[in-house]
Structure formats: C-alpha cells, structure tokens
Amino acid sequence: SRTDLLIANSQSVSDFYSTGGFPKDRIRVIPNGVISPSQPELTKAEF
C-alpha cells in the first residue's frame, strides 16, 4: 500500500510479482540497458 509503482526489469519478473498479488495496474516493465563493454587491455594470446 506504500508503493506507487513496481518496476520490473523483465516481463517474467512482472508476472512473478503480479501472480504473487501485487496489483497489475501498478506494475511497469523497463528492461535493463546495456552498452558494449570496452575492449580488453590484453590480447587473447596474453590472456
């Protein structure tokens, strides 16, 4: 009752919490974001 919105990072997480009783109309899904990691300092041979 003290929660305005629950933000799930996947639909699976949203389904888990709504199945557990959290009101669906107060759940939003925002997936994680990703950036390509920087290139390693080692070459494959060095690693």
PDB file of all heavy atoms in Angstrom:
ATOM      1  N   SER A   1       0.821  -1.217   0.000  1.00  0.00           N
ATOM      2  CA  SER A   1       0.000   0.000   0.000  1.00  0.00           C
ATOM      3  C   SER A   1       0.853   1.264   0.000  1.00  0.00           C
ATOM      4  O   SER A   1       0.361   2.349  -0.311  1.00  0.00           O
ATOM      5  CB  SER A   1      -0.940   0.003   1.208  1.00  0.00           C
ATOM      6  OG  SER A   1      -0.192   0.030   2.421  1.00  0.00           O
ATOM      7  N   ARG A   2       2.125   1.136   0.353  1.00  0.00           N
ATOM      8  CA  ARG A   2       3.035   2.281   0.377  1.00  0.00           C
ATOM      9  C   ARG A   2       3.825   2.392  -0.922  1.00  0.00           C
ATOM     10  O   ARG A   2       4.791   3.160  -1.002  1.00  0.00           O
ATOM     11  CB  ARG A   2       3.997   2.154   1.562  1.00  0.00           C
ATOM     12  CG  ARG A   2       3.296   1.930   2.895  1.00  0.00           C
ATOM     13  CD  ARG A   2       4.233   2.158   4.057  1.00  0.00           C
ATOM     14  NE  ARG A   2       4.766   3.520   4.040  1.00  0.00           N
ATOM     15  CZ  ARG A   2       4.086   4.599   4.402  1.00  0.00           C
ATOM     16  NH1 ARG A   2       2.834   4.495   4.795  1.00  0.00           N
ATOM     17  NH2 ARG A   2       4.650   5.790   4.352  1.00  0.00           N
ATOM     18  N   THR A   3       3.455   1.620  -1.926  1.00  0.00           N
ATOM     19  CA  THR A   3       4.194   1.556  -3.191  1.00  0.00           C
ATOM     20  C   THR A   3       3.354   2.164  -4.301  1.00  0.00           C
ATOM     21  O   THR A   3       2.252   1.681  -4.598  1.00  0.00           O
ATOM     22  CB  THR A   3       4.516   0.095  -3.547  1.00  0.00           C
ATOM     23  OG1 THR A   3       5.109  -0.560  -2.421  1.00  0.00           O
ATOM     24  CG2 THR A   3       5.444   0.025  -4.740  1.00  0.00           C
ATOM     25  N   ASP A   4       3.859   3.230  -4.921  1.00  0.00           N
ATOM     26  CA  ASP A   4       3.124   3.832  -6.038  1.00  0.00           C
ATOM     27  C   ASP A   4       3.239   3.001  -7.303  1.00  0.00           C
ATOM     28  O   ASP A   4       2.248   2.795  -8.004  1.00  0.00           O
ATOM     29  CB  ASP A   4       3.632   5.258  -6.280  1.00  0.00           C
ATOM     30  CG  ASP A   4       3.267   6.188  -5.123  1.00  0.00           C
ATOM     31  OD1 ASP A   4       2.094   6.560  -5.036  1.00  0.00           O
ATOM     32  OD2 ASP A   4       4.157   6.495  -4.307  1.00  0.00           O
ATOM     33  N   LEU A   5       4.463   2.526  -7.588  1.00  0.00           N
ATOM     34  CA  LEU A   5       4.661   1.655  -8.747  1.00  0.00           C
ATOM     35  C   LEU A   5       5.765   0.661  -8.456  1.00  0.00           C
ATOM     36  O   LEU A   5       6.742   0.966  -7.760  1.00  0.00           O
ATOM     37  CB  LEU A   5       5.053   2.464  -9.997  1.00  0.00           C
ATOM     38  CG  LEU A   5       3.991   3.329 -10.677  1.00  0.00           C
ATOM     39  CD1 LEU A   5       4.614   4.096 -11.837  1.00  0.00           C
ATOM     40  CD2 LEU A   5       2.819   2.484 -11.170  1.00  0.00           C
ATOM     41  N   LEU A   6       5.612  -0.539  -8.996  1.00  0.00           N
ATOM     42  CA  LEU A   6       6.685  -1.540  -9.007  1.00  0.00           C
ATOM     43  C   LEU A   6       7.222  -1.607 -10.429  1.00  0.00           C
ATOM     44  O   LEU A   6       6.457  -1.796 -11.381  1.00  0.00           O
ATOM     45  CB  LEU A   6       6.154  -2.902  -8.561  1.00  0.00           C
ATOM     46  CG  LEU A   6       7.151  -4.063  -8.447  1.00  0.00           C
ATOM     47  CD1 LEU A   6       6.646  -5.092  -7.425  1.00  0.00           C
ATOM     48  CD2 LEU A   6       7.429  -4.763  -9.782  1.00  0.00           C
ATOM     49  N   ILE A   7       8.521  -1.456 -10.569  1.00  0.00           N
ATOM     50  CA  ILE A   7       9.152  -1.505 -11.885  1.00  0.00           C
ATOM     51  C   ILE A   7       9.906  -2.824 -11.997  1.00  0.00           C
ATOM     52  O   ILE A   7      10.816  -3.105 -11.213  1.00  0.00           O
ATOM     53  CB  ILE A   7      10.127  -0.328 -12.090  1.00  0.00           C
ATOM     54  CG1 ILE A   7       9.395   0.995 -11.852  1.00  0.00           C
ATOM     55  CG2 ILE A   7      10.726  -0.360 -13.485  1.00  0.00           C
ATOM     56  CD1 ILE A   7      10.326   2.175 -11.710  1.00  0.00           C
ATOM     57  N   ALA A   8       9.519  -3.640 -12.962  1.00  0.00           N
ATOM     58  CA  ALA A   8      10.182  -4.917 -13.208  1.00  0.00           C
ATOM     59  C   ALA A   8      11.127  -4.756 -14.398  1.00  0.00           C
ATOM     60  O   ALA A   8      10.828  -4.023 -15.335  1.00  0.00           O
ATOM     61  CB  ALA A   8       9.152  -6.002 -13.508  1.00  0.00           C
ATOM     62  N   ASN A   9      12.247  -5.457 -14.341  1.00  0.00           N
ATOM     63  CA  ASN A   9      13.190  -5.331 -15.457  1.00  0.00           C
ATOM     64  C   ASN A   9      12.953  -6.362 -16.548  1.00  0.00           C
ATOM     65  O   ASN A   9      13.699  -6.413 -17.528  1.00  0.00           O
ATOM     66  CB  ASN A   9      14.645  -5.393 -14.963  1.00  0.00           C
ATOM     67  CG  ASN A   9      15.030  -6.742 -14.391  1.00  0.00           C
ATOM     68  OD1 ASN A   9      14.168  -7.563 -14.064  1.00  0.00           O
ATOM     69  ND2 ASN A   9      16.322  -6.977 -14.242  1.00  0.00           N
ATOM     70  N   SER A  10      11.918  -7.168 -16.405  1.00  0.00           N
ATOM     71  CA  SER A  10      11.528  -8.099 -17.467  1.00  0.00           C
ATOM     72  C   SER A  10      10.068  -8.470 -17.271  1.00  0.00           C
ATOM     73  O   SER A  10       9.511  -8.307 -16.173  1.00  0.00           O
ATOM     74  CB  SER A  10      12.399  -9.366 -17.446  1.00  0.00           C
ATOM     75  OG  SER A  10      12.100 -10.160 -16.311  1.00  0.00           O
ATOM     76  N   GLN A  11       9.461  -8.987 -18.319  1.00  0.00           N
ATOM     77  CA  GLN A  11       8.074  -9.422 -18.207  1.00  0.00           C
ATOM     78  C   GLN A  11       7.955 -10.588 -17.236  1.00  0.00           C
ATOM     79  O   GLN A  11       6.955 -10.727 -16.522  1.00  0.00           O
ATOM     80  CB  GLN A  11       7.532  -9.824 -19.583  1.00  0.00           C
ATOM     81  CG  GLN A  11       6.039 -10.115 -19.596  1.00  0.00           C
ATOM     82  CD  GLN A  11       5.200  -8.935 -19.137  1.00  0.00           C
ATOM     83  OE1 GLN A  11       5.381  -7.817 -19.601  1.00  0.00           O
ATOM     84  NE2 GLN A  11       4.274  -9.172 -18.198  1.00  0.00           N
ATOM     85  N   SER A  12       8.988 -11.421 -17.180  1.00  0.00           N
ATOM     86  CA  SER A  12       8.975 -12.556 -16.252  1.00  0.00           C
ATOM     87  C   SER A  12       8.901 -12.085 -14.808  1.00  0.00           C
ATOM     88  O   SER A  12       8.176 -12.664 -13.993  1.00  0.00           O
ATOM     89  CB  SER A  12      10.232 -13.404 -16.461  1.00  0.00           C
ATOM     90  OG  SER A  12      10.323 -13.837 -17.788  1.00  0.00           O
ATOM     91  N   VAL A  13       9.645 -11.050 -14.471  1.00  0.00           N
ATOM     92  CA  VAL A  13       9.610 -10.500 -13.113  1.00  0.00           C
ATOM     93  C   VAL A  13       8.238  -9.882 -12.843  1.00  0.00           C
ATOM     94  O   VAL A  13       7.668 -10.047 -11.762  1.00  0.00           O
ATOM     95  CB  VAL A  13      10.734  -9.466 -12.918  1.00  0.00           C
ATOM     96  CG1 VAL A  13      10.608  -8.759 -11.571  1.00  0.00           C
ATOM     97  CG2 VAL A  13      12.100 -10.150 -13.017  1.00  0.00           C
ATOM     98  N   SER A  14       7.701  -9.188 -13.825  1.00  0.00           N
ATOM     99  CA  SER A  14       6.358  -8.608 -13.686  1.00  0.00           C
ATOM    100  C   SER A  14       5.325  -9.694 -13.410  1.00  0.00           C
ATOM    101  O   SER A  14       4.491  -9.568 -12.494  1.00  0.00           O
ATOM    102  CB  SER A  14       5.993  -7.848 -14.963  1.00  0.00           C
ATOM    103  OG  SER A  14       4.639  -7.431 -14.933  1.00  0.00           O
ATOM    104  N   ASP A  15       5.384 -10.782 -14.168  1.00  0.00           N
ATOM    105  CA  ASP A  15       4.429 -11.881 -13.986  1.00  0.00           C
ATOM    106  C   ASP A  15       4.588 -12.519 -12.604  1.00  0.00           C
ATOM    107  O   ASP A  15       3.600 -12.880 -11.958  1.00  0.00           O
ATOM    108  CB  ASP A  15       4.633 -12.939 -15.070  1.00  0.00           C
ATOM    109  CG  ASP A  15       4.265 -12.434 -16.463  1.00  0.00           C
ATOM    110  OD1 ASP A  15       3.548 -11.414 -16.554  1.00  0.00           O
ATOM    111  OD2 ASP A  15       4.706 -13.060 -17.445  1.00  0.00           O
ATOM    112  N   PHE A  16       5.822 -12.663 -12.148  1.00  0.00           N
ATOM    113  CA  PHE A  16       6.085 -13.266 -10.833  1.00  0.00           C
ATOM    114  C   PHE A  16       5.413 -12.455  -9.736  1.00  0.00           C
ATOM    115  O   PHE A  16       4.759 -13.022  -8.851  1.00  0.00           O
ATOM    116  CB  PHE A  16       7.596 -13.344 -10.607  1.00  0.00           C
ATOM    117  CG  PHE A  16       7.987 -13.867  -9.255  1.00  0.00           C
ATOM    118  CD1 PHE A  16       8.016 -15.224  -8.989  1.00  0.00           C
ATOM    119  CD2 PHE A  16       8.330 -12.985  -8.232  1.00  0.00           C
ATOM    120  CE1 PHE A  16       8.374 -15.708  -7.731  1.00  0.00           C
ATOM    121  CE2 PHE A  16       8.693 -13.456  -6.975  1.00  0.00           C
ATOM    122  CZ  PHE A  16       8.713 -14.822  -6.722  1.00  0.00           C
ATOM    123  N   TYR A  17       5.568 -11.136  -9.788  1.00  0.00           N
ATOM    124  CA  TYR A  17       5.015 -10.314  -8.712  1.00  0.00           C
ATOM    125  C   TYR A  17       3.501 -10.129  -8.845  1.00  0.00           C
ATOM    126  O   TYR A  17       2.799 -10.051  -7.830  1.00  0.00           O
ATOM    127  CB  TYR A  17       5.756  -8.982  -8.624  1.00  0.00           C
ATOM    128  CG  TYR A  17       7.034  -9.140  -7.838  1.00  0.00           C
ATOM    129  CD1 TYR A  17       8.236  -9.404  -8.480  1.00  0.00           C
ATOM    130  CD2 TYR A  17       7.036  -9.105  -6.450  1.00  0.00           C
ATOM    131  CE1 TYR A  17       9.407  -9.620  -7.757  1.00  0.00           C
ATOM    132  CE2 TYR A  17       8.187  -9.313  -5.718  1.00  0.00           C
ATOM    133  CZ  TYR A  17       9.367  -9.573  -6.376  1.00  0.00           C
ATOM    134  OH  TYR A  17      10.512  -9.806  -5.652  1.00  0.00           O
ATOM    135  N   SER A  18       2.996 -10.085 -10.054  1.00  0.00           N
ATOM    136  CA  SER A  18       1.539  -9.971 -10.183  1.00  0.00           C
ATOM    137  C   SER A  18       0.859 -11.269  -9.752  1.00  0.00           C
ATOM    138  O   SER A  18      -0.197 -11.246  -9.110  1.00  0.00           O
ATOM    139  CB  SER A  18       1.157  -9.611 -11.621  1.00  0.00           C
ATOM    140  OG  SER A  18       1.543 -10.632 -12.531  1.00  0.00           O
ATOM    141  N   THR A  19       1.480 -12.399 -10.067  1.00  0.00           N
ATOM    142  CA  THR A  19       0.946 -13.684  -9.604  1.00  0.00           C
ATOM    143  C   THR A  19       0.968 -13.759  -8.084  1.00  0.00           C
ATOM    144  O   THR A  19       0.094 -14.374  -7.462  1.00  0.00           O
ATOM    145  CB  THR A  19       1.769 -14.848 -10.191  1.00  0.00           C
ATOM    146  OG1 THR A  19       1.697 -14.799 -11.620  1.00  0.00           O
ATOM    147  CG2 THR A  19       1.242 -16.195  -9.716  1.00  0.00           C
ATOM    148  N   GLY A  20       1.959 -13.103  -7.480  1.00  0.00           N
ATOM    149  CA  GLY A  20       2.053 -13.077  -6.022  1.00  0.00           C
ATOM    150  C   GLY A  20       1.105 -12.097  -5.359  1.00  0.00           C
ATOM    151  O   GLY A  20       1.093 -11.991  -4.130  1.00  0.00           O
ATOM    152  N   GLY A  21       0.339 -11.357  -6.144  1.00  0.00           N
ATOM    153  CA  GLY A  21      -0.682 -10.489  -5.565  1.00  0.00           C
ATOM    154  C   GLY A  21      -0.460  -9.005  -5.722  1.00  0.00           C
ATOM    155  O   GLY A  21      -1.323  -8.208  -5.335  1.00  0.00           O
ATOM    156  N   PHE A  22       0.676  -8.590  -6.289  1.00  0.00           N
ATOM    157  CA  PHE A  22       0.871  -7.144  -6.473  1.00  0.00           C
ATOM    158  C   PHE A  22      -0.038  -6.683  -7.617  1.00  0.00           C
ATOM    159  O   PHE A  22      -0.096  -7.314  -8.675  1.00  0.00           O
ATOM    160  CB  PHE A  22       2.330  -6.821  -6.807  1.00  0.00           C
ATOM    161  CG  PHE A  22       2.679  -5.371  -6.592  1.00  0.00           C
ATOM    162  CD1 PHE A  22       3.251  -4.954  -5.400  1.00  0.00           C
ATOM    163  CD2 PHE A  22       2.390  -4.420  -7.559  1.00  0.00           C
ATOM    164  CE1 PHE A  22       3.544  -3.608  -5.178  1.00  0.00           C
ATOM    165  CE2 PHE A  22       2.682  -3.083  -7.355  1.00  0.00           C
ATOM    166  CZ  PHE A  22       3.256  -2.676  -6.160  1.00  0.00           C
ATOM    167  N   PRO A  23      -0.776  -5.587  -7.430  1.00  0.00           N
ATOM    168  CA  PRO A  23      -1.738  -5.143  -8.448  1.00  0.00           C
ATOM    169  C   PRO A  23      -1.082  -4.896  -9.812  1.00  0.00           C
ATOM    170  O   PRO A  23      -0.096  -4.168  -9.902  1.00  0.00           O
ATOM    171  CB  PRO A  23      -2.298  -3.835  -7.863  1.00  0.00           C
ATOM    172  CG  PRO A  23      -2.074  -3.956  -6.393  1.00  0.00           C
ATOM    173  CD  PRO A  23      -0.794  -4.720  -6.230  1.00  0.00           C
ATOM    174  N   LYS A  24      -1.641  -5.497 -10.848  1.00  0.00           N
ATOM    175  CA  LYS A  24      -1.065  -5.375 -12.191  1.00  0.00           C
ATOM    176  C   LYS A  24      -1.046  -3.933 -12.680  1.00  0.00           C
ATOM    177  O   LYS A  24      -0.148  -3.544 -13.430  1.00  0.00           O
ATOM    178  CB  LYS A  24      -1.855  -6.238 -13.181  1.00  0.00           C
ATOM    179  CG  LYS A  24      -1.614  -7.727 -13.038  1.00  0.00           C
ATOM    180  CD  LYS A  24      -2.350  -8.494 -14.134  1.00  0.00           C
ATOM    181  CE  LYS A  24      -2.085  -9.984 -14.030  1.00  0.00           C
ATOM    182  NZ  LYS A  24      -2.772 -10.746 -15.112  1.00  0.00           N
ATOM    183  N   ASP A  25      -2.054  -3.143 -12.262  1.00  0.00           N
ATOM    184  CA  ASP A  25      -2.117  -1.778 -12.762  1.00  0.00           C
ATOM    185  C   ASP A  25      -1.055  -0.879 -12.139  1.00  0.00           C
ATOM    186  O   ASP A  25      -0.896   0.277 -12.542  1.00  0.00           O
ATOM    187  CB  ASP A  25      -3.517  -1.189 -12.554  1.00  0.00           C
ATOM    188  CG  ASP A  25      -3.908  -1.077 -11.076  1.00  0.00           C
ATOM    189  OD1 ASP A  25      -3.206  -1.673 -10.219  1.00  0.00           O
ATOM    190  OD2 ASP A  25      -4.901  -0.403 -10.783  1.00  0.00           O
ATOM    191  N   ARG A  26      -0.321  -1.403 -11.170  1.00  0.00           N
ATOM    192  CA  ARG A  26       0.771  -0.632 -10.574  1.00  0.00           C
ATOM    193  C   ARG A  26       2.132  -1.268 -10.868  1.00  0.00           C
ATOM    194  O   ARG A  26       3.089  -1.055 -10.125  1.00  0.00           O
ATOM    195  CB  ARG A  26       0.548  -0.467  -9.068  1.00  0.00           C
ATOM    196  CG  ARG A  26      -0.555   0.523  -8.732  1.00  0.00           C
ATOM    197  CD  ARG A  26      -0.518   0.908  -7.255  1.00  0.00           C
ATOM    198  NE  ARG A  26      -1.161  -0.069  -6.413  1.00  0.00           N
ATOM    199  CZ  ARG A  26      -0.672  -0.512  -5.262  1.00  0.00           C
ATOM    200  NH1 ARG A  26       0.506  -0.085  -4.815  1.00  0.00           N
ATOM    201  NH2 ARG A  26      -1.329  -1.395  -4.543  1.00  0.00           N
ATOM    202  N   ILE A  27       2.201  -2.041 -11.921  1.00  0.00           N
ATOM    203  CA  ILE A  27       3.466  -2.634 -12.360  1.00  0.00           C
ATOM    204  C   ILE A  27       3.808  -2.101 -13.743  1.00  0.00           C
ATOM    205  O   ILE A  27       2.946  -2.027 -14.631  1.00  0.00           O
ATOM    206  CB  ILE A  27       3.400  -4.170 -12.409  1.00  0.00           C
ATOM    207  CG1 ILE A  27       3.098  -4.747 -11.020  1.00  0.00           C
ATOM    208  CG2 ILE A  27       4.720  -4.754 -12.923  1.00  0.00           C
ATOM    209  CD1 ILE A  27       2.970  -6.271 -10.997  1.00  0.00           C
ATOM    210  N   ARG A  28       5.055  -1.708 -13.934  1.00  0.00           N
ATOM    211  CA  ARG A  28       5.565  -1.313 -15.242  1.00  0.00           C
ATOM    212  C   ARG A  28       6.827  -2.128 -15.532  1.00  0.00           C
ATOM    213  O   ARG A  28       7.566  -2.492 -14.622  1.00  0.00           O
ATOM    214  CB  ARG A  28       5.921   0.175 -15.274  1.00  0.00           C
ATOM    215  CG  ARG A  28       4.792   1.107 -14.924  1.00  0.00           C
ATOM    216  CD  ARG A  28       3.728   1.167 -16.016  1.00  0.00           C
ATOM    217  NE  ARG A  28       2.731   2.189 -15.698  1.00  0.00           N
ATOM    218  CZ  ARG A  28       1.665   1.999 -14.919  1.00  0.00           C
ATOM    219  NH1 ARG A  28       1.480   0.814 -14.336  1.00  0.00           N
ATOM    220  NH2 ARG A  28       0.819   2.979 -14.681  1.00  0.00           N
ATOM    221  N   VAL A  29       7.067  -2.396 -16.805  1.00  0.00           N
ATOM    222  CA  VAL A  29       8.264  -3.136 -17.211  1.00  0.00           C
ATOM    223  C   VAL A  29       9.220  -2.192 -17.929  1.00  0.00           C
ATOM    224  O   VAL A  29       8.852  -1.560 -18.920  1.00  0.00           O
ATOM    225  CB  VAL A  29       7.908  -4.321 -18.141  1.00  0.00           C
ATOM    226  CG1 VAL A  29       9.191  -5.020 -18.625  1.00  0.00           C
ATOM    227  CG2 VAL A  29       7.018  -5.324 -17.417  1.00  0.00           C
ATOM    228  N   ILE A  30      10.430  -2.079 -17.406  1.00  0.00           N
ATOM    229  CA  ILE A  30      11.501  -1.331 -18.062  1.00  0.00           C
ATOM    230  C   ILE A  30      12.716  -2.255 -18.120  1.00  0.00           C
ATOM    231  O   ILE A  30      13.347  -2.519 -17.085  1.00  0.00           O
ATOM    232  CB  ILE A  30      11.854  -0.031 -17.325  1.00  0.00           C
ATOM    233  CG1 ILE A  30      10.633   0.904 -17.266  1.00  0.00           C
ATOM    234  CG2 ILE A  30      13.020   0.673 -18.017  1.00  0.00           C
ATOM    235  CD1 ILE A  30      10.899   2.225 -16.559  1.00  0.00           C
ATOM    236  N   PRO A  31      13.049  -2.777 -19.286  1.00  0.00           N
ATOM    237  CA  PRO A  31      14.181  -3.705 -19.375  1.00  0.00           C
ATOM    238  C   PRO A  31      15.504  -3.025 -19.039  1.00  0.00           C
ATOM    239  O   PRO A  31      15.647  -1.799 -19.133  1.00  0.00           O
ATOM    240  CB  PRO A  31      14.168  -4.137 -20.854  1.00  0.00           C
ATOM    241  CG  PRO A  31      12.803  -3.801 -21.354  1.00  0.00           C
ATOM    242  CD  PRO A  31      12.369  -2.595 -20.574  1.00  0.00           C
ATOM    243  N   ASN A  32      16.469  -3.836 -18.641  1.00  0.00           N
ATOM    244  CA  ASN A  32      17.821  -3.342 -18.436  1.00  0.00           C
ATOM    245  C   ASN A  32      18.355  -2.723 -19.720  1.00  0.00           C
ATOM    246  O   ASN A  32      17.947  -3.091 -20.827  1.00  0.00           O
ATOM    247  CB  ASN A  32      18.760  -4.478 -18.030  1.00  0.00           C
ATOM    248  CG  ASN A  32      18.505  -4.985 -16.624  1.00  0.00           C
ATOM    249  OD1 ASN A  32      17.722  -4.398 -15.884  1.00  0.00           O
ATOM    250  ND2 ASN A  32      19.164  -6.061 -16.257  1.00  0.00           N
ATOM    251  N   GLY A  33      19.287  -1.811 -19.563  1.00  0.00           N
ATOM    252  CA  GLY A  33      20.017  -1.280 -20.706  1.00  0.00           C
ATOM    253  C   GLY A  33      21.426  -1.836 -20.706  1.00  0.00           C
ATOM    254  O   GLY A  33      21.954  -2.259 -19.668  1.00  0.00           O
ATOM    255  N   VAL A  34      22.056  -1.861 -21.862  1.00  0.00           N
ATOM    256  CA  VAL A  34      23.405  -2.413 -21.951  1.00  0.00           C
ATOM    257  C   VAL A  34      24.229  -1.593 -22.931  1.00  0.00           C
ATOM    258  O   VAL A  34      23.707  -1.071 -23.921  1.00  0.00           O
ATOM    259  CB  VAL A  34      23.373  -3.900 -22.397  1.00  0.00           C
ATOM    260  CG1 VAL A  34      22.838  -4.048 -23.806  1.00  0.00           C
ATOM    261  CG2 VAL A  34      24.745  -4.545 -22.282  1.00  0.00           C
ATOM    262  N   ILE A  35      25.507  -1.444 -22.617  1.00  0.00           N
ATOM    263  CA  ILE A  35      26.458  -0.873 -23.561  1.00  0.00           C
ATOM    264  C   ILE A  35      27.534  -1.911 -23.806  1.00  0.00           C
ATOM    265  O   ILE A  35      27.858  -2.713 -22.922  1.00  0.00           O
ATOM    266  CB  ILE A  35      27.091   0.435 -23.032  1.00  0.00           C
ATOM    267  CG1 ILE A  35      27.680   0.228 -21.636  1.00  0.00           C
ATOM    268  CG2 ILE A  35      26.091   1.565 -23.013  1.00  0.00           C
ATOM    269  CD1 ILE A  35      28.396   1.430 -21.081  1.00  0.00           C
ATOM    270  N   SER A  36      28.065  -1.915 -25.000  1.00  0.00           N
ATOM    271  CA  SER A  36      29.123  -2.877 -25.304  1.00  0.00           C
ATOM    272  C   SER A  36      30.326  -2.587 -24.425  1.00  0.00           C
ATOM    273  O   SER A  36      30.802  -1.451 -24.355  1.00  0.00           O
ATOM    274  CB  SER A  36      29.516  -2.790 -26.778  1.00  0.00           C
ATOM    275  OG  SER A  36      30.530  -3.740 -27.069  1.00  0.00           O
ATOM    276  N   PRO A  37      30.821  -3.590 -23.703  1.00  0.00           N
ATOM    277  CA  PRO A  37      31.989  -3.369 -22.849  1.00  0.00           C
ATOM    278  C   PRO A  37      33.186  -2.863 -23.635  1.00  0.00           C
ATOM    279  O   PRO A  37      33.320  -3.116 -24.837  1.00  0.00           O
ATOM    280  CB  PRO A  37      32.266  -4.760 -22.264  1.00  0.00           C
ATOM    281  CG  PRO A  37      30.949  -5.479 -22.348  1.00  0.00           C
ATOM    282  CD  PRO A  37      30.310  -4.963 -23.601  1.00  0.00           C
ATOM    283  N   SER A  38      34.064  -2.140 -22.957  1.00  0.00           N
ATOM    284  CA  SER A  38      35.279  -1.643 -23.593  1.00  0.00           C
ATOM    285  C   SER A  38      36.179  -2.806 -23.994  1.00  0.00           C
ATOM    286  O   SER A  38      36.073  -3.914 -23.454  1.00  0.00           O
ATOM    287  CB  SER A  38      36.025  -0.706 -22.647  1.00  0.00           C
ATOM    288  OG  SER A  38      36.373  -1.402 -21.456  1.00  0.00           O
ATOM    289  N   GLN A  39      37.059  -2.560 -24.942  1.00  0.00           N
ATOM    290  CA  GLN A  39      37.990  -3.591 -25.383  1.00  0.00           C
ATOM    291  C   GLN A  39      38.975  -3.920 -24.256  1.00  0.00           C
ATOM    292  O   GLN A  39      39.364  -3.048 -23.483  1.00  0.00           O
ATOM    293  CB  GLN A  39      38.750  -3.125 -26.617  1.00  0.00           C
ATOM    294  CG  GLN A  39      37.898  -3.013 -27.875  1.00  0.00           C
ATOM    295  CD  GLN A  39      37.435  -4.369 -28.391  1.00  0.00           C
ATOM    296  OE1 GLN A  39      38.130  -5.374 -28.253  1.00  0.00           O
ATOM    297  NE2 GLN A  39      36.253  -4.394 -28.994  1.00  0.00           N
ATOM    298  N   PRO A  40      39.385  -5.178 -24.142  1.00  0.00           N
ATOM    299  CA  PRO A  40      40.307  -5.560 -23.070  1.00  0.00           C
ATOM    300  C   PRO A  40      41.703  -5.011 -23.317  1.00  0.00           C
ATOM    301  O   PRO A  40      42.100  -4.748 -24.448  1.00  0.00           O
ATOM    302  CB  PRO A  40      40.294  -7.091 -23.132  1.00  0.00           C
ATOM    303  CG  PRO A  40      39.955  -7.402 -24.552  1.00  0.00           C
ATOM    304  CD  PRO A  40      39.005  -6.322 -24.997  1.00  0.00           C
ATOM    305  N   GLU A  41      42.449  -4.852 -22.241  1.00  0.00           N
ATOM    306  CA  GLU A  41      43.831  -4.408 -22.352  1.00  0.00           C
ATOM    307  C   GLU A  41      44.739  -5.538 -22.817  1.00  0.00           C
ATOM    308  O   GLU A  41      45.803  -5.298 -23.402  1.00  0.00           O
ATOM    309  CB  GLU A  41      44.314  -3.870 -21.003  1.00  0.00           C
ATOM    310  CG  GLU A  41      43.562  -2.622 -20.545  1.00  0.00           C
ATOM    311  CD  GLU A  41      44.071  -2.094 -19.223  1.00  0.00           C
ATOM    312  OE1 GLU A  41      45.017  -2.695 -18.667  1.00  0.00           O
ATOM    313  OE2 GLU A  41      43.526  -1.079 -18.742  1.00  0.00           O
ATOM    314  N   LEU A  42      44.311  -6.783 -22.586  1.00  0.00           N
ATOM    315  CA  LEU A  42      45.084  -7.949 -23.001  1.00  0.00           C
ATOM    316  C   LEU A  42      44.654  -8.436 -24.367  1.00  0.00           C
ATOM    317  O   LEU A  42      43.478  -8.353 -24.732  1.00  0.00           O
ATOM    318  CB  LEU A  42      44.883  -9.098 -22.000  1.00  0.00           C
ATOM    319  CG  LEU A  42      45.309  -8.879 -20.549  1.00  0.00           C
ATOM    320  CD1 LEU A  42      44.785 -10.024 -19.702  1.00  0.00           C
ATOM    321  CD2 LEU A  42      46.814  -8.785 -20.448  1.00  0.00           C
ATOM    322  N   THR A  43      45.590  -8.966 -25.143  1.00  0.00           N
ATOM    323  CA  THR A  43      45.218  -9.717 -26.333  1.00  0.00           C
ATOM    324  C   THR A  43      44.769 -11.109 -25.892  1.00  0.00           C
ATOM    325  O   THR A  43      45.013 -11.525 -24.742  1.00  0.00           O
ATOM    326  CB  THR A  43      46.404  -9.864 -27.295  1.00  0.00           C
ATOM    327  OG1 THR A  43      47.410 -10.674 -26.654  1.00  0.00           O
ATOM    328  CG2 THR A  43      46.981  -8.507 -27.663  1.00  0.00           C
ATOM    329  N   LYS A  44      44.138 -11.841 -26.794  1.00  0.00           N
ATOM    330  CA  LYS A  44      43.709 -13.192 -26.425  1.00  0.00           C
ATOM    331  C   LYS A  44      44.910 -14.056 -26.066  1.00  0.00           C
ATOM    332  O   LYS A  44      44.867 -14.828 -25.092  1.00  0.00           O
ATOM    333  CB  LYS A  44      42.907 -13.836 -27.559  1.00  0.00           C
ATOM    334  CG  LYS A  44      42.406 -15.225 -27.194  1.00  0.00           C
ATOM    335  CD  LYS A  44      41.530 -15.836 -28.269  1.00  0.00           C
ATOM    336  CE  LYS A  44      41.066 -17.233 -27.852  1.00  0.00           C
ATOM    337  NZ  LYS A  44      40.199 -17.866 -28.864  1.00  0.00           N
ATOM    338  N   ALA A  45      45.993 -13.932 -26.817  1.00  0.00           N
ATOM    339  CA  ALA A  45      47.194 -14.731 -26.531  1.00  0.00           C
ATOM    340  C   ALA A  45      47.749 -14.394 -25.147  1.00  0.00           C
ATOM    341  O   ALA A  45      48.142 -15.283 -24.380  1.00  0.00           O
ATOM    342  CB  ALA A  45      48.244 -14.497 -27.601  1.00  0.00           C
ATOM    343  N   GLU A  46      47.771 -13.114 -24.790  1.00  0.00           N
ATOM    344  CA  GLU A  46      48.265 -12.697 -23.479  1.00  0.00           C
ATOM    345  C   GLU A  46      47.365 -13.207 -22.361  1.00  0.00           C
ATOM    346  O   GLU A  46      47.845 -13.649 -21.304  1.00  0.00           O
ATOM    347  CB  GLU A  46      48.367 -11.176 -23.425  1.00  0.00           C
ATOM    348  CG  GLU A  46      49.472 -10.598 -24.300  1.00  0.00           C
ATOM    349  CD  GLU A  46      49.397  -9.090 -24.413  1.00  0.00           C
ATOM    350  OE1 GLU A  46      48.293  -8.521 -24.217  1.00  0.00           O
ATOM    351  OE2 GLU A  46      50.439  -8.478 -24.723  1.00  0.00           O
ATOM    352  N   PHE A  47      46.054 -13.139 -22.607  1.00  0.00           N
ATOM    353  CA  PHE A  47      45.110 -13.616 -21.601  1.00  0.00           C
ATOM    354  C   PHE A  47      45.260 -15.123 -21.394  1.00  0.00           C
ATOM    355  O   PHE A  47      45.299 -15.606 -20.249  1.00  0.00           O
ATOM    356  CB  PHE A  47      43.686 -13.261 -22.018  1.00  0.00           C
ATOM    357  CG  PHE A  47      42.623 -13.791 -21.112  1.00  0.00           C
ATOM    358  CD1 PHE A  47      42.615 -13.467 -19.763  1.00  0.00           C
ATOM    359  CD2 PHE A  47      41.618 -14.612 -21.600  1.00  0.00           C
ATOM    360  CE1 PHE A  47      41.619 -13.953 -18.915  1.00  0.00           C
ATOM    361  CE2 PHE A  47      40.627 -15.098 -20.765  1.00  0.00           C
ATOM    362  CZ  PHE A  47      40.632 -14.776 -19.419  1.00  0.00           C
TER     363      PHE A  47
END
